[in-house]
Amino acid sequence: MNTDWMNQGKCRELARDVFFPRDGMGLSAAQKICAECPVSKRCLEYALENHIGHGIWGGCSERERRRILRRRRDLQTVTVG
């Protein structure tokens, strides 16, 4: 998988800890940064495809990514079934 897009991420300008928050305030701060990032969609897809279970990726927390994956599975089941 090509990861050249990572060099364009706003996260490259900040400390890693920003994207691994320990509270809701940290989550909101990271999500605001991701909202302005030119590669946030690619970042989110990367995390989903690679089942990354920690940190903020593409503006989504671990819990949000699990929900996205669950919805996608449910949609595939409905489409196939």
PDB file of N, CA and C in Angstrom:
ATOM      1  N   MET A   1       0.838  -1.183   0.000  1.00  0.00           N
ATOM      2  CA  MET A   1       0.000   0.000   0.000  1.00  0.00           C
ATOM      3  C   MET A   1       0.881   1.244   0.000  1.00  0.00           C
ATOM      4  N   ASN A   2       0.574   2.161  -0.867  1.00  0.00           N
ATOM      5  CA  ASN A   2       1.306   3.411  -0.979  1.00  0.00           C
ATOM      6  C   ASN A   2       0.933   4.336   0.176  1.00  0.00           C
ATOM      7  N   THR A   3       1.929   4.815   0.900  1.00  0.00           N
ATOM      8  CA  THR A   3       1.684   5.713   2.029  1.00  0.00           C
ATOM      9  C   THR A   3       2.329   7.088   1.837  1.00  0.00           C
ATOM     10  N   ASP A   4       2.632   7.443   0.598  1.00  0.00           N
ATOM     11  CA  ASP A   4       3.235   8.749   0.325  1.00  0.00           C
ATOM     12  C   ASP A   4       2.355   9.893   0.806  1.00  0.00           C
ATOM     13  N   TRP A   5       1.047   9.686   0.816  1.00  0.00           N
ATOM     14  CA  TRP A   5       0.108  10.720   1.250  1.00  0.00           C
ATOM     15  C   TRP A   5       0.375  11.156   2.698  1.00  0.00           C
ATOM     16  N   MET A   6       0.984  10.282   3.488  1.00  0.00           N
ATOM     17  CA  MET A   6       1.243  10.612   4.896  1.00  0.00           C
ATOM     18  C   MET A   6       2.120  11.848   5.047  1.00  0.00           C
ATOM     19  N   ASN A   7       2.967  12.100   4.073  1.00  0.00           N
ATOM     20  CA  ASN A   7       3.840  13.276   4.134  1.00  0.00           C
ATOM     21  C   ASN A   7       3.068  14.577   4.044  1.00  0.00           C
ATOM     22  N   GLN A   8       1.819  14.527   3.608  1.00  0.00           N
ATOM     23  CA  GLN A   8       0.994  15.728   3.471  1.00  0.00           C
ATOM     24  C   GLN A   8       0.088  15.946   4.677  1.00  0.00           C
ATOM     25  N   GLY A   9       0.106  15.044   5.635  1.00  0.00           N
ATOM     26  CA  GLY A   9      -0.777  15.132   6.793  1.00  0.00           C
ATOM     27  C   GLY A   9      -0.404  16.259   7.736  1.00  0.00           C
ATOM     28  N   LYS A  10      -1.404  16.933   8.270  1.00  0.00           N
ATOM     29  CA  LYS A  10      -1.172  17.989   9.252  1.00  0.00           C
ATOM     30  C   LYS A  10      -0.535  17.432  10.514  1.00  0.00           C
ATOM     31  N   CYS A  11      -0.746  16.160  10.770  1.00  0.00           N
ATOM     32  CA  CYS A  11      -0.184  15.534  11.972  1.00  0.00           C
ATOM     33  C   CYS A  11       1.340  15.545  11.953  1.00  0.00           C
ATOM     34  N   ARG A  12       1.930  15.635  10.783  1.00  0.00           N
ATOM     35  CA  ARG A  12       3.393  15.648  10.669  1.00  0.00           C
ATOM     36  C   ARG A  12       3.999  16.864  11.362  1.00  0.00           C
ATOM     37  N   GLU A  13       3.178  17.909  11.541  1.00  0.00           N
ATOM     38  CA  GLU A  13       3.651  19.162  12.127  1.00  0.00           C
ATOM     39  C   GLU A  13       3.536  19.171  13.645  1.00  0.00           C
ATOM     40  N   LEU A  14       2.921  18.140  14.219  1.00  0.00           N
ATOM     41  CA  LEU A  14       2.600  18.148  15.645  1.00  0.00           C
ATOM     42  C   LEU A  14       3.159  16.919  16.365  1.00  0.00           C
ATOM     43  N   ALA A  15       3.140  16.984  17.678  1.00  0.00           N
ATOM     44  CA  ALA A  15       3.587  15.856  18.495  1.00  0.00           C
ATOM     45  C   ALA A  15       2.620  14.684  18.346  1.00  0.00           C
ATOM     46  N   ARG A  16       3.142  13.490  18.336  1.00  0.00           N
ATOM     47  CA  ARG A  16       2.316  12.272  18.224  1.00  0.00           C
ATOM     48  C   ARG A  16       1.246  12.196  19.298  1.00  0.00           C
ATOM     49  N   ASP A  17       1.578  12.664  20.500  1.00  0.00           N
ATOM     50  CA  ASP A  17       0.655  12.574  21.629  1.00  0.00           C
ATOM     51  C   ASP A  17      -0.680  13.255  21.352  1.00  0.00           C
ATOM     52  N   VAL A  18      -0.683  14.240  20.476  1.00  0.00           N
ATOM     53  CA  VAL A  18      -1.922  14.944  20.138  1.00  0.00           C
ATOM     54  C   VAL A  18      -2.947  13.976  19.576  1.00  0.00           C
ATOM     55  N   PHE A  19      -2.497  12.971  18.848  1.00  0.00           N
ATOM     56  CA  PHE A  19      -3.394  12.037  18.170  1.00  0.00           C
ATOM     57  C   PHE A  19      -3.615  10.738  18.944  1.00  0.00           C
ATOM     58  N   PHE A  20      -3.126  10.725  20.172  1.00  0.00           N
ATOM     59  CA  PHE A  20      -3.352   9.609  21.082  1.00  0.00           C
ATOM     60  C   PHE A  20      -3.810  10.184  22.425  1.00  0.00           C
ATOM     61  N   PRO A  21      -4.953  10.899  22.397  1.00  0.00           N
ATOM     62  CA  PRO A  21      -5.417  11.610  23.593  1.00  0.00           C
ATOM     63  C   PRO A  21      -5.920  10.659  24.684  1.00  0.00           C
ATOM     64  N   ARG A  22      -5.919  11.174  25.879  1.00  0.00           N
ATOM     65  CA  ARG A  22      -6.377  10.399  27.027  1.00  0.00           C
ATOM     66  C   ARG A  22      -7.735  10.878  27.536  1.00  0.00           C
ATOM     67  N   ASP A  23      -8.271  11.925  26.924  1.00  0.00           N
ATOM     68  CA  ASP A  23      -9.563  12.433  27.373  1.00  0.00           C
ATOM     69  C   ASP A  23     -10.353  13.032  26.215  1.00  0.00           C
ATOM     70  N   GLY A  24     -11.588  13.412  26.485  1.00  0.00           N
ATOM     71  CA  GLY A  24     -12.466  13.981  25.459  1.00  0.00           C
ATOM     72  C   GLY A  24     -11.960  15.290  24.900  1.00  0.00           C
ATOM     73  N   MET A  25     -11.313  16.092  25.723  1.00  0.00           N
ATOM     74  CA  MET A  25     -10.767  17.369  25.255  1.00  0.00           C
ATOM     75  C   MET A  25      -9.678  17.125  24.214  1.00  0.00           C
ATOM     76  N   GLY A  26      -8.842  16.158  24.470  1.00  0.00           N
ATOM     77  CA  GLY A  26      -7.786  15.811  23.523  1.00  0.00           C
ATOM     78  C   GLY A  26      -8.353  15.270  22.228  1.00  0.00           C
ATOM     79  N   LEU A  27      -9.422  14.498  22.330  1.00  0.00           N
ATOM     80  CA  LEU A  27     -10.090  13.962  21.155  1.00  0.00           C
ATOM     81  C   LEU A  27     -10.597  15.092  20.274  1.00  0.00           C
ATOM     82  N   SER A  28     -11.255  16.065  20.885  1.00  0.00           N
ATOM     83  CA  SER A  28     -11.791  17.203  20.127  1.00  0.00           C
ATOM     84  C   SER A  28     -10.683  17.995  19.443  1.00  0.00           C
ATOM     85  N   ALA A  29      -9.583  18.189  20.135  1.00  0.00           N
ATOM     86  CA  ALA A  29      -8.461  18.939  19.563  1.00  0.00           C
ATOM     87  C   ALA A  29      -7.901  18.213  18.341  1.00  0.00           C
ATOM     88  N   ALA A  30      -7.720  16.916  18.453  1.00  0.00           N
ATOM     89  CA  ALA A  30      -7.194  16.129  17.332  1.00  0.00           C
ATOM     90  C   ALA A  30      -8.174  16.152  16.161  1.00  0.00           C
ATOM     91  N   GLN A  31      -9.458  16.028  16.444  1.00  0.00           N
ATOM     92  CA  GLN A  31     -10.457  16.020  15.382  1.00  0.00           C
ATOM     93  C   GLN A  31     -10.511  17.355  14.644  1.00  0.00           C
ATOM     94  N   LYS A  32     -10.281  18.449  15.344  1.00  0.00           N
ATOM     95  CA  LYS A  32     -10.257  19.761  14.680  1.00  0.00           C
ATOM     96  C   LYS A  32      -9.082  19.855  13.708  1.00  0.00           C
ATOM     97  N   ILE A  33      -7.960  19.307  14.100  1.00  0.00           N
ATOM     98  CA  ILE A  33      -6.786  19.307  13.226  1.00  0.00           C
ATOM     99  C   ILE A  33      -7.070  18.459  11.990  1.00  0.00           C
ATOM    100  N   CYS A  34      -7.638  17.285  12.203  1.00  0.00           N
ATOM    101  CA  CYS A  34      -7.948  16.379  11.092  1.00  0.00           C
ATOM    102  C   CYS A  34      -8.975  16.990  10.134  1.00  0.00           C
ATOM    103  N   ALA A  35      -9.888  17.776  10.667  1.00  0.00           N
ATOM    104  CA  ALA A  35     -10.935  18.380   9.834  1.00  0.00           C
ATOM    105  C   ALA A  35     -10.342  19.312   8.776  1.00  0.00           C
ATOM    106  N   GLU A  36      -9.156  19.849   9.049  1.00  0.00           N
ATOM    107  CA  GLU A  36      -8.510  20.757   8.111  1.00  0.00           C
ATOM    108  C   GLU A  36      -7.392  20.081   7.312  1.00  0.00           C
ATOM    109  N   CYS A  37      -7.234  18.797   7.491  1.00  0.00           N
ATOM    110  CA  CYS A  37      -6.138  18.072   6.853  1.00  0.00           C
ATOM    111  C   CYS A  37      -6.525  17.642   5.434  1.00  0.00           C
ATOM    112  N   PRO A  38      -5.646  17.859   4.463  1.00  0.00           N
ATOM    113  CA  PRO A  38      -5.955  17.498   3.077  1.00  0.00           C
ATOM    114  C   PRO A  38      -5.995  15.992   2.802  1.00  0.00           C
ATOM    115  N   VAL A  39      -5.470  15.189   3.719  1.00  0.00           N
ATOM    116  CA  VAL A  39      -5.442  13.740   3.483  1.00  0.00           C
ATOM    117  C   VAL A  39      -6.242  12.957   4.533  1.00  0.00           C
ATOM    118  N   SER A  40      -7.167  13.602   5.219  1.00  0.00           N
ATOM    119  CA  SER A  40      -7.881  12.927   6.301  1.00  0.00           C
ATOM    120  C   SER A  40      -8.690  11.722   5.822  1.00  0.00           C
ATOM    121  N   LYS A  41      -9.269  11.802   4.638  1.00  0.00           N
ATOM    122  CA  LYS A  41     -10.043  10.661   4.130  1.00  0.00           C
ATOM    123  C   LYS A  41      -9.139   9.467   3.843  1.00  0.00           C
ATOM    124  N   ARG A  42      -7.997   9.728   3.258  1.00  0.00           N
ATOM    125  CA  ARG A  42      -7.046   8.648   2.985  1.00  0.00           C
ATOM    126  C   ARG A  42      -6.519   8.063   4.294  1.00  0.00           C
ATOM    127  N   CYS A  43      -6.324   8.928   5.268  1.00  0.00           N
ATOM    128  CA  CYS A  43      -5.846   8.510   6.582  1.00  0.00           C
ATOM    129  C   CYS A  43      -6.863   7.580   7.248  1.00  0.00           C
ATOM    130  N   LEU A  44      -8.122   7.969   7.206  1.00  0.00           N
ATOM    131  CA  LEU A  44      -9.171   7.142   7.786  1.00  0.00           C
ATOM    132  C   LEU A  44      -9.239   5.785   7.091  1.00  0.00           C
ATOM    133  N   GLU A  45      -9.206   5.783   5.774  1.00  0.00           N
ATOM    134  CA  GLU A  45      -9.267   4.515   5.038  1.00  0.00           C
ATOM    135  C   GLU A  45      -8.071   3.631   5.363  1.00  0.00           C
ATOM    136  N   TYR A  46      -6.916   4.239   5.518  1.00  0.00           N
ATOM    137  CA  TYR A  46      -5.715   3.478   5.891  1.00  0.00           C
ATOM    138  C   TYR A  46      -5.932   2.789   7.234  1.00  0.00           C
ATOM    139  N   ALA A  47      -6.446   3.527   8.211  1.00  0.00           N
ATOM    140  CA  ALA A  47      -6.684   2.962   9.541  1.00  0.00           C
ATOM    141  C   ALA A  47      -7.731   1.853   9.487  1.00  0.00           C
ATOM    142  N   LEU A  48      -8.766   2.040   8.680  1.00  0.00           N
ATOM    143  CA  LEU A  48      -9.809   1.021   8.564  1.00  0.00           C
ATOM    144  C   LEU A  48      -9.276  -0.242   7.894  1.00  0.00           C
ATOM    145  N   GLU A  49      -8.555  -0.061   6.801  1.00  0.00           N
ATOM    146  CA  GLU A  49      -8.025  -1.213   6.061  1.00  0.00           C
ATOM    147  C   GLU A  49      -7.001  -1.998   6.865  1.00  0.00           C
ATOM    148  N   ASN A  50      -6.269  -1.312   7.730  1.00  0.00           N
ATOM    149  CA  ASN A  50      -5.215  -1.954   8.504  1.00  0.00           C
ATOM    150  C   ASN A  50      -5.643  -2.274   9.931  1.00  0.00           C
ATOM    151  N   HIS A  51      -6.902  -2.075  10.223  1.00  0.00           N
ATOM    152  CA  HIS A  51      -7.477  -2.384  11.541  1.00  0.00           C
ATOM    153  C   HIS A  51      -6.652  -1.795  12.680  1.00  0.00           C
ATOM    154  N   ILE A  52      -6.317  -0.510  12.544  1.00  0.00           N
ATOM    155  CA  ILE A  52      -5.560   0.177  13.583  1.00  0.00           C
ATOM    156  C   ILE A  52      -6.519   0.466  14.735  1.00  0.00           C
ATOM    157  N   GLY A  53      -6.164  -0.018  15.905  1.00  0.00           N
ATOM    158  CA  GLY A  53      -7.080   0.034  17.030  1.00  0.00           C
ATOM    159  C   GLY A  53      -6.800   1.111  18.058  1.00  0.00           C
ATOM    160  N   HIS A  54      -5.961   2.065  17.763  1.00  0.00           N
ATOM    161  CA  HIS A  54      -5.672   3.105  18.746  1.00  0.00           C
ATOM    162  C   HIS A  54      -5.376   4.428  18.042  1.00  0.00           C
ATOM    163  N   GLY A  55      -5.619   5.512  18.734  1.00  0.00           N
ATOM    164  CA  GLY A  55      -5.329   6.844  18.200  1.00  0.00           C
ATOM    165  C   GLY A  55      -6.430   7.404  17.327  1.00  0.00           C
ATOM    166  N   ILE A  56      -6.225   8.642  16.928  1.00  0.00           N
ATOM    167  CA  ILE A  56      -7.135   9.343  16.034  1.00  0.00           C
ATOM    168  C   ILE A  56      -6.551   9.254  14.633  1.00  0.00           C
ATOM    169  N   TRP A  57      -7.331   8.729  13.724  1.00  0.00           N
ATOM    170  CA  TRP A  57      -6.924   8.598  12.321  1.00  0.00           C
ATOM    171  C   TRP A  57      -8.051   9.156  11.462  1.00  0.00           C
ATOM    172  N   GLY A  58      -7.726  10.095  10.595  1.00  0.00           N
ATOM    173  CA  GLY A  58      -8.751  10.665   9.729  1.00  0.00           C
ATOM    174  C   GLY A  58      -9.866  11.333  10.509  1.00  0.00           C
ATOM    175  N   GLY A  59      -9.572  11.781  11.707  1.00  0.00           N
ATOM    176  CA  GLY A  59     -10.562  12.458  12.534  1.00  0.00           C
ATOM    177  C   GLY A  59     -11.478  11.534  13.313  1.00  0.00           C
ATOM    178  N   CYS A  60     -11.217  10.239  13.270  1.00  0.00           N
ATOM    179  CA  CYS A  60     -12.089   9.278  13.961  1.00  0.00           C
ATOM    180  C   CYS A  60     -11.342   8.547  15.075  1.00  0.00           C
ATOM    181  N   SER A  61     -12.036   8.365  16.174  1.00  0.00           N
ATOM    182  CA  SER A  61     -11.489   7.622  17.301  1.00  0.00           C
ATOM    183  C   SER A  61     -11.597   6.127  17.029  1.00  0.00           C
ATOM    184  N   GLU A  62     -11.057   5.351  17.937  1.00  0.00           N
ATOM    185  CA  GLU A  62     -11.131   3.893  17.809  1.00  0.00           C
ATOM    186  C   GLU A  62     -12.585   3.438  17.743  1.00  0.00           C
ATOM    187  N   ARG A  63     -13.402   3.989  18.627  1.00  0.00           N
ATOM    188  CA  ARG A  63     -14.816   3.617  18.692  1.00  0.00           C
ATOM    189  C   ARG A  63     -15.540   3.972  17.392  1.00  0.00           C
ATOM    190  N   GLU A  64     -15.253   5.158  16.877  1.00  0.00           N
ATOM    191  CA  GLU A  64     -15.893   5.573  15.623  1.00  0.00           C
ATOM    192  C   GLU A  64     -15.480   4.684  14.461  1.00  0.00           C
ATOM    193  N   ARG A  65     -14.224   4.286  14.423  1.00  0.00           N
ATOM    194  CA  ARG A  65     -13.772   3.399  13.350  1.00  0.00           C
ATOM    195  C   ARG A  65     -14.431   2.028  13.442  1.00  0.00           C
ATOM    196  N   ARG A  66     -14.608   1.533  14.665  1.00  0.00           N
ATOM    197  CA  ARG A  66     -15.312   0.251  14.821  1.00  0.00           C
ATOM    198  C   ARG A  66     -16.750   0.355  14.295  1.00  0.00           C
ATOM    199  N   ARG A  67     -17.406   1.469  14.571  1.00  0.00           N
ATOM    200  CA  ARG A  67     -18.773   1.673  14.071  1.00  0.00           C
ATOM    201  C   ARG A  67     -18.812   1.709  12.548  1.00  0.00           C
ATOM    202  N   ILE A  68     -17.852   2.390  11.958  1.00  0.00           N
ATOM    203  CA  ILE A  68     -17.791   2.467  10.496  1.00  0.00           C
ATOM    204  C   ILE A  68     -17.624   1.073   9.907  1.00  0.00           C
ATOM    205  N   LEU A  69     -16.700   0.309  10.451  1.00  0.00           N
ATOM    206  CA  LEU A  69     -16.476  -1.055   9.943  1.00  0.00           C
ATOM    207  C   LEU A  69     -17.718  -1.923  10.118  1.00  0.00           C
ATOM    208  N   ARG A  70     -18.392  -1.775  11.246  1.00  0.00           N
ATOM    209  CA  ARG A  70     -19.609  -2.553  11.487  1.00  0.00           C
ATOM    210  C   ARG A  70     -20.698  -2.183  10.477  1.00  0.00           C
ATOM    211  N   ARG A  71     -20.868  -0.878  10.222  1.00  0.00           N
ATOM    212  CA  ARG A  71     -21.861  -0.441   9.230  1.00  0.00           C
ATOM    213  C   ARG A  71     -21.534  -0.974   7.848  1.00  0.00           C
ATOM    214  N   ARG A  72     -20.273  -0.944   7.494  1.00  0.00           N
ATOM    215  CA  ARG A  72     -19.867  -1.458   6.180  1.00  0.00           C
ATOM    216  C   ARG A  72     -20.149  -2.946   6.061  1.00  0.00           C
ATOM    217  N   ARG A  73     -19.866  -3.696   7.118  1.00  0.00           N
ATOM    218  CA  ARG A  73     -20.172  -5.134   7.102  1.00  0.00           C
ATOM    219  C   ARG A  73     -21.667  -5.367   6.977  1.00  0.00           C
ATOM    220  N   ASP A  74     -22.440  -4.588   7.732  1.00  0.00           N
ATOM    221  CA  ASP A  74     -23.903  -4.728   7.670  1.00  0.00           C
ATOM    222  C   ASP A  74     -24.439  -4.412   6.268  1.00  0.00           C
ATOM    223  N   LEU A  75     -23.875  -3.393   5.644  1.00  0.00           N
ATOM    224  CA  LEU A  75     -24.305  -3.035   4.297  1.00  0.00           C
ATOM    225  C   LEU A  75     -23.949  -4.139   3.301  1.00  0.00           C
ATOM    226  N   GLN A  76     -22.789  -4.739   3.448  1.00  0.00           N
ATOM    227  CA  GLN A  76     -22.397  -5.835   2.564  1.00  0.00           C
ATOM    228  C   GLN A  76     -23.332  -7.025   2.737  1.00  0.00           C
ATOM    229  N   THR A  77     -23.717  -7.298   3.974  1.00  0.00           N
ATOM    230  CA  THR A  77     -24.619  -8.407   4.251  1.00  0.00           C
ATOM    231  C   THR A  77     -25.979  -8.159   3.594  1.00  0.00           C
ATOM    232  N   VAL A  78     -26.482  -6.934   3.693  1.00  0.00           N
ATOM    233  CA  VAL A  78     -27.778  -6.587   3.105  1.00  0.00           C
ATOM    234  C   VAL A  78     -27.691  -6.650   1.587  1.00  0.00           C
ATOM    235  N   THR A  79     -26.592  -6.157   1.027  1.00  0.00           N
ATOM    236  CA  THR A  79     -26.422  -6.141  -0.427  1.00  0.00           C
ATOM    237  C   THR A  79     -26.282  -7.555  -0.983  1.00  0.00           C
ATOM    238  N   VAL A  80     -25.505  -8.388  -0.331  1.00  0.00           N
ATOM    239  CA  VAL A  80     -25.274  -9.756  -0.775  1.00  0.00           C
ATOM    240  C   VAL A  80     -26.478 -10.635  -0.487  1.00  0.00           C
ATOM    241  N   GLY A  81     -27.072 -10.455   0.686  1.00  0.00           N
ATOM    242  CA  GLY A  81     -28.167 -11.311   1.132  1.00  0.00           C
ATOM    243  C   GLY A  81     -29.427 -10.983   0.493  1.00  0.00           C
TER     244      GLY A  81
END
